[in-house]
Amino acid sequence: MSQNTRLAQPDANEIPAEISELVAAIHCLPSEVQARIEPSLAKVVESTKRRRRILTLVQDALSQLRVDMKYLVFDLEATRRERDEFRRQLNEANGQ
C-alpha cells in the first residue's frame, strides 16, 4: 500500500492522457506487480514532465525571439529611413 502513495497520481496537465491511463491501470494491478513496475513508471513520468518543461522553455524562448526580431527589424527600418533622410539633406546642402 505504501507503493501507491509513493507514486501519486500525476497532474493531468503535466503528462499526456495515455501516461495517466497507464498509471491508473498499474494501480489496479496486484501490489507485487506494482512494486516491480512503479520505479520504471516513475522514471517515465518524471522524464515526461521534464520534457514538457523543456518544451515550454523552448516555446517561451522562441516567442521572445520573435518579439526581439520584430523590434530589431523596426529599428533597422527606422535607421535606414534616418540615413536616407540625412543623405537627402546632405545632397541638398552640397547642391546649393
N, C-alpha and C. Protein backbone atom coordinates (compact mmCIF):
# COMPACT_ATOMS: atom_id res chain seq x y z
N MET A 1 0.81 -1.20 0.00
CA MET A 1 0.00 0.00 0.00
C MET A 1 0.85 1.26 0.00
N SER A 2 2.01 1.22 0.64
CA SER A 2 2.85 2.41 0.64
C SER A 2 3.36 2.73 -0.75
N GLN A 3 3.41 1.73 -1.63
CA GLN A 3 3.83 1.96 -3.01
C GLN A 3 2.84 2.88 -3.72
N ASN A 4 1.55 2.72 -3.45
CA ASN A 4 0.55 3.56 -4.10
C ASN A 4 0.69 5.02 -3.69
N THR A 5 1.04 5.27 -2.45
CA THR A 5 1.16 6.65 -2.01
C THR A 5 2.47 7.26 -2.48
N ARG A 6 3.48 6.41 -2.71
CA ARG A 6 4.77 6.93 -3.16
C ARG A 6 4.65 7.55 -4.55
N LEU A 7 3.91 6.91 -5.43
CA LEU A 7 3.72 7.42 -6.78
C LEU A 7 2.29 7.94 -6.88
N ALA A 8 2.11 9.17 -6.50
CA ALA A 8 0.79 9.78 -6.53
C ALA A 8 0.37 10.00 -7.97
N GLN A 9 -0.92 10.21 -8.15
CA GLN A 9 -1.44 10.50 -9.47
C GLN A 9 -0.80 11.78 -9.98
N PRO A 10 -0.15 11.74 -11.13
CA PRO A 10 0.47 12.94 -11.67
C PRO A 10 -0.58 13.94 -12.14
N ASP A 11 -0.19 15.19 -12.17
CA ASP A 11 -1.07 16.25 -12.65
C ASP A 11 -1.37 16.01 -14.12
N ALA A 12 -2.64 16.02 -14.47
CA ALA A 12 -3.05 15.73 -15.85
C ALA A 12 -2.51 16.75 -16.84
N ASN A 13 -2.24 17.96 -16.37
CA ASN A 13 -1.70 18.99 -17.27
C ASN A 13 -0.23 18.77 -17.58
N GLU A 14 0.46 18.01 -16.75
CA GLU A 14 1.89 17.83 -16.93
C GLU A 14 2.25 16.63 -17.81
N ILE A 15 1.38 15.64 -17.88
CA ILE A 15 1.70 14.45 -18.67
C ILE A 15 0.55 14.13 -19.61
N PRO A 16 0.84 13.42 -20.70
CA PRO A 16 -0.21 13.05 -21.64
C PRO A 16 -1.25 12.12 -21.01
N ALA A 17 -2.43 12.11 -21.59
CA ALA A 17 -3.52 11.28 -21.08
C ALA A 17 -3.16 9.80 -21.10
N GLU A 18 -2.39 9.38 -22.10
CA GLU A 18 -2.02 7.97 -22.20
C GLU A 18 -1.20 7.52 -21.00
N ILE A 19 -0.31 8.37 -20.54
CA ILE A 19 0.51 8.01 -19.38
C ILE A 19 -0.35 8.03 -18.12
N SER A 20 -1.28 8.96 -18.02
CA SER A 20 -2.20 8.96 -16.88
C SER A 20 -3.02 7.68 -16.85
N GLU A 21 -3.46 7.24 -18.02
CA GLU A 21 -4.21 5.98 -18.10
C GLU A 21 -3.32 4.80 -17.70
N LEU A 22 -2.07 4.83 -18.10
CA LEU A 22 -1.13 3.77 -17.73
C LEU A 22 -0.92 3.75 -16.22
N VAL A 23 -0.79 4.91 -15.60
CA VAL A 23 -0.64 4.98 -14.15
C VAL A 23 -1.86 4.38 -13.47
N ALA A 24 -3.05 4.75 -13.94
CA ALA A 24 -4.28 4.21 -13.35
C ALA A 24 -4.35 2.70 -13.53
N ALA A 25 -3.96 2.21 -14.70
CA ALA A 25 -4.01 0.76 -14.95
C ALA A 25 -3.02 0.03 -14.05
N ILE A 26 -1.85 0.59 -13.86
CA ILE A 26 -0.84 -0.05 -13.00
C ILE A 26 -1.31 -0.07 -11.55
N HIS A 27 -2.03 0.95 -11.13
CA HIS A 27 -2.54 0.98 -9.76
C HIS A 27 -3.61 -0.08 -9.54
N CYS A 28 -4.18 -0.63 -10.60
CA CYS A 28 -5.17 -1.70 -10.48
C CYS A 28 -4.52 -3.08 -10.40
N LEU A 29 -3.25 -3.17 -10.65
CA LEU A 29 -2.53 -4.45 -10.63
C LEU A 29 -2.26 -4.87 -9.19
N PRO A 30 -1.95 -6.15 -9.00
CA PRO A 30 -1.57 -6.61 -7.65
C PRO A 30 -0.34 -5.86 -7.16
N SER A 31 -0.22 -5.72 -5.85
CA SER A 31 0.84 -4.91 -5.26
C SER A 31 2.23 -5.42 -5.60
N GLU A 32 2.42 -6.75 -5.75
CA GLU A 32 3.74 -7.28 -6.11
C GLU A 32 4.15 -6.80 -7.50
N VAL A 33 3.20 -6.80 -8.42
CA VAL A 33 3.49 -6.35 -9.79
C VAL A 33 3.73 -4.84 -9.79
N GLN A 34 2.93 -4.12 -9.04
CA GLN A 34 3.11 -2.67 -8.94
C GLN A 34 4.50 -2.33 -8.43
N ALA A 35 4.96 -3.08 -7.43
CA ALA A 35 6.26 -2.81 -6.84
C ALA A 35 7.38 -2.96 -7.86
N ARG A 36 7.22 -3.89 -8.80
CA ARG A 36 8.25 -4.08 -9.82
C ARG A 36 8.16 -3.03 -10.93
N ILE A 37 6.96 -2.59 -11.22
CA ILE A 37 6.75 -1.68 -12.36
C ILE A 37 6.91 -0.21 -11.97
N GLU A 38 6.54 0.15 -10.76
CA GLU A 38 6.48 1.56 -10.38
C GLU A 38 7.81 2.31 -10.48
N PRO A 39 8.97 1.73 -10.19
CA PRO A 39 10.21 2.51 -10.38
C PRO A 39 10.40 2.95 -11.83
N SER A 40 10.13 2.04 -12.76
CA SER A 40 10.24 2.42 -14.17
C SER A 40 9.18 3.43 -14.56
N LEU A 41 7.99 3.25 -14.04
CA LEU A 41 6.90 4.18 -14.33
C LEU A 41 7.24 5.57 -13.79
N ALA A 42 7.81 5.62 -12.60
CA ALA A 42 8.19 6.92 -12.02
C ALA A 42 9.22 7.62 -12.90
N LYS A 43 10.16 6.86 -13.46
CA LYS A 43 11.15 7.45 -14.36
C LYS A 43 10.49 7.99 -15.62
N VAL A 44 9.54 7.23 -16.16
CA VAL A 44 8.84 7.67 -17.37
C VAL A 44 8.05 8.95 -17.09
N VAL A 45 7.34 8.97 -15.98
CA VAL A 45 6.54 10.15 -15.63
C VAL A 45 7.46 11.36 -15.43
N GLU A 46 8.56 11.17 -14.72
CA GLU A 46 9.48 12.29 -14.48
C GLU A 46 10.12 12.79 -15.77
N SER A 47 10.53 11.87 -16.64
CA SER A 47 11.14 12.31 -17.90
C SER A 47 10.11 13.02 -18.79
N THR A 48 8.86 12.58 -18.72
CA THR A 48 7.81 13.24 -19.49
C THR A 48 7.58 14.66 -18.96
N LYS A 49 7.56 14.80 -17.65
CA LYS A 49 7.40 16.14 -17.06
C LYS A 49 8.58 17.03 -17.43
N ARG A 50 9.78 16.46 -17.38
CA ARG A 50 10.98 17.23 -17.72
C ARG A 50 10.92 17.68 -19.18
N ARG A 51 10.53 16.76 -20.07
CA ARG A 51 10.41 17.14 -21.49
C ARG A 51 9.38 18.23 -21.69
N ARG A 52 8.28 18.14 -20.96
CA ARG A 52 7.23 19.16 -21.07
C ARG A 52 7.76 20.52 -20.61
N ARG A 53 8.52 20.53 -19.50
CA ARG A 53 9.10 21.80 -19.02
C ARG A 53 10.09 22.36 -20.03
N ILE A 54 10.92 21.49 -20.60
CA ILE A 54 11.89 21.94 -21.60
C ILE A 54 11.18 22.49 -22.82
N LEU A 55 10.14 21.81 -23.27
CA LEU A 55 9.38 22.28 -24.42
C LEU A 55 8.77 23.65 -24.14
N THR A 56 8.24 23.82 -22.95
CA THR A 56 7.66 25.12 -22.58
C THR A 56 8.73 26.21 -22.59
N LEU A 57 9.91 25.90 -22.05
CA LEU A 57 11.00 26.87 -22.06
C LEU A 57 11.41 27.23 -23.48
N VAL A 58 11.49 26.24 -24.35
CA VAL A 58 11.87 26.49 -25.74
C VAL A 58 10.81 27.34 -26.44
N GLN A 59 9.54 27.02 -26.20
CA GLN A 59 8.46 27.80 -26.81
C GLN A 59 8.50 29.25 -26.32
N ASP A 60 8.74 29.44 -25.03
CA ASP A 60 8.84 30.80 -24.49
C ASP A 60 10.02 31.55 -25.11
N ALA A 61 11.14 30.85 -25.23
CA ALA A 61 12.33 31.48 -25.83
C ALA A 61 12.07 31.86 -27.28
N LEU A 62 11.39 31.00 -28.02
CA LEU A 62 11.07 31.31 -29.42
C LEU A 62 10.12 32.50 -29.51
N SER A 63 9.15 32.55 -28.62
CA SER A 63 8.23 33.69 -28.62
C SER A 63 8.99 34.98 -28.35
N GLN A 64 9.89 34.95 -27.38
CA GLN A 64 10.68 36.14 -27.08
C GLN A 64 11.58 36.51 -28.25
N LEU A 65 12.14 35.51 -28.91
CA LEU A 65 12.99 35.77 -30.07
C LEU A 65 12.19 36.43 -31.19
N ARG A 66 10.96 35.99 -31.40
CA ARG A 66 10.11 36.61 -32.42
C ARG A 66 9.86 38.08 -32.11
N VAL A 67 9.56 38.37 -30.85
CA VAL A 67 9.34 39.76 -30.44
C VAL A 67 10.61 40.57 -30.64
N ASP A 68 11.74 40.02 -30.20
CA ASP A 68 13.01 40.72 -30.36
C ASP A 68 13.32 40.99 -31.83
N MET A 69 13.04 40.01 -32.69
CA MET A 69 13.28 40.19 -34.12
C MET A 69 12.41 41.30 -34.69
N LYS A 70 11.16 41.38 -34.25
CA LYS A 70 10.28 42.44 -34.73
C LYS A 70 10.82 43.81 -34.33
N TYR A 71 11.30 43.92 -33.10
CA TYR A 71 11.88 45.19 -32.66
C TYR A 71 13.13 45.52 -33.46
N LEU A 72 13.96 44.52 -33.72
CA LEU A 72 15.19 44.77 -34.49
C LEU A 72 14.87 45.20 -35.92
N VAL A 73 13.90 44.55 -36.55
CA VAL A 73 13.51 44.93 -37.91
C VAL A 73 12.95 46.35 -37.91
N PHE A 74 12.12 46.67 -36.93
CA PHE A 74 11.58 48.03 -36.83
C PHE A 74 12.72 49.04 -36.68
N ASP A 75 13.67 48.74 -35.80
CA ASP A 75 14.80 49.64 -35.57
C ASP A 75 15.65 49.78 -36.83
N LEU A 76 15.87 48.69 -37.54
CA LEU A 76 16.65 48.74 -38.77
C LEU A 76 15.95 49.61 -39.82
N GLU A 77 14.65 49.44 -39.96
CA GLU A 77 13.91 50.24 -40.93
C GLU A 77 13.95 51.72 -40.55
N ALA A 78 13.82 52.03 -39.27
CA ALA A 78 13.89 53.42 -38.82
C ALA A 78 15.27 53.99 -39.08
N THR A 79 16.30 53.20 -38.82
CA THR A 79 17.68 53.66 -39.07
C THR A 79 17.90 53.92 -40.55
N ARG A 80 17.38 53.07 -41.40
CA ARG A 80 17.52 53.28 -42.85
C ARG A 80 16.80 54.54 -43.30
N ARG A 81 15.60 54.77 -42.75
CA ARG A 81 14.87 55.99 -43.10
C ARG A 81 15.65 57.22 -42.67
N GLU A 82 16.21 57.16 -41.46
CA GLU A 82 17.01 58.30 -40.98
C GLU A 82 18.24 58.51 -41.86
N ARG A 83 18.90 57.43 -42.24
CA ARG A 83 20.08 57.53 -43.11
C ARG A 83 19.70 58.17 -44.44
N ASP A 84 18.61 57.69 -45.03
CA ASP A 84 18.18 58.23 -46.31
C ASP A 84 17.83 59.71 -46.19
N GLU A 85 17.19 60.09 -45.10
CA GLU A 85 16.84 61.50 -44.89
C GLU A 85 18.10 62.35 -44.73
N PHE A 86 19.07 61.87 -43.97
CA PHE A 86 20.33 62.62 -43.80
C PHE A 86 21.07 62.73 -45.13
N ARG A 87 21.06 61.67 -45.93
CA ARG A 87 21.72 61.73 -47.25
C ARG A 87 21.04 62.78 -48.13
N ARG A 88 19.71 62.78 -48.10
CA ARG A 88 18.97 63.75 -48.89
C ARG A 88 19.32 65.17 -48.45
N GLN A 89 19.35 65.38 -47.14
CA GLN A 89 19.69 66.71 -46.63
C GLN A 89 21.12 67.09 -46.99
N LEU A 90 22.04 66.14 -46.93
CA LEU A 90 23.44 66.40 -47.27
C LEU A 90 23.56 66.75 -48.76
N ASN A 91 22.86 66.01 -49.59
CA ASN A 91 22.89 66.28 -51.03
C ASN A 91 22.31 67.65 -51.34
N GLU A 92 21.23 68.01 -50.64
CA GLU A 92 20.64 69.34 -50.85
C GLU A 92 21.61 70.43 -50.40
N ALA A 93 22.29 70.21 -49.28
CA ALA A 93 23.23 71.22 -48.77
C ALA A 93 24.44 71.34 -49.69
N ASN A 94 24.92 70.25 -50.25
CA ASN A 94 26.06 70.29 -51.16
C ASN A 94 25.67 70.85 -52.52
N GLY A 95 24.44 70.67 -52.90
CA GLY A 95 23.97 71.15 -54.19
C GLY A 95 23.70 72.64 -54.19
N GLN A 96 23.54 73.26 -53.07
CA GLN A 96 23.21 74.69 -53.02
C GLN A 96 24.40 75.56 -53.03
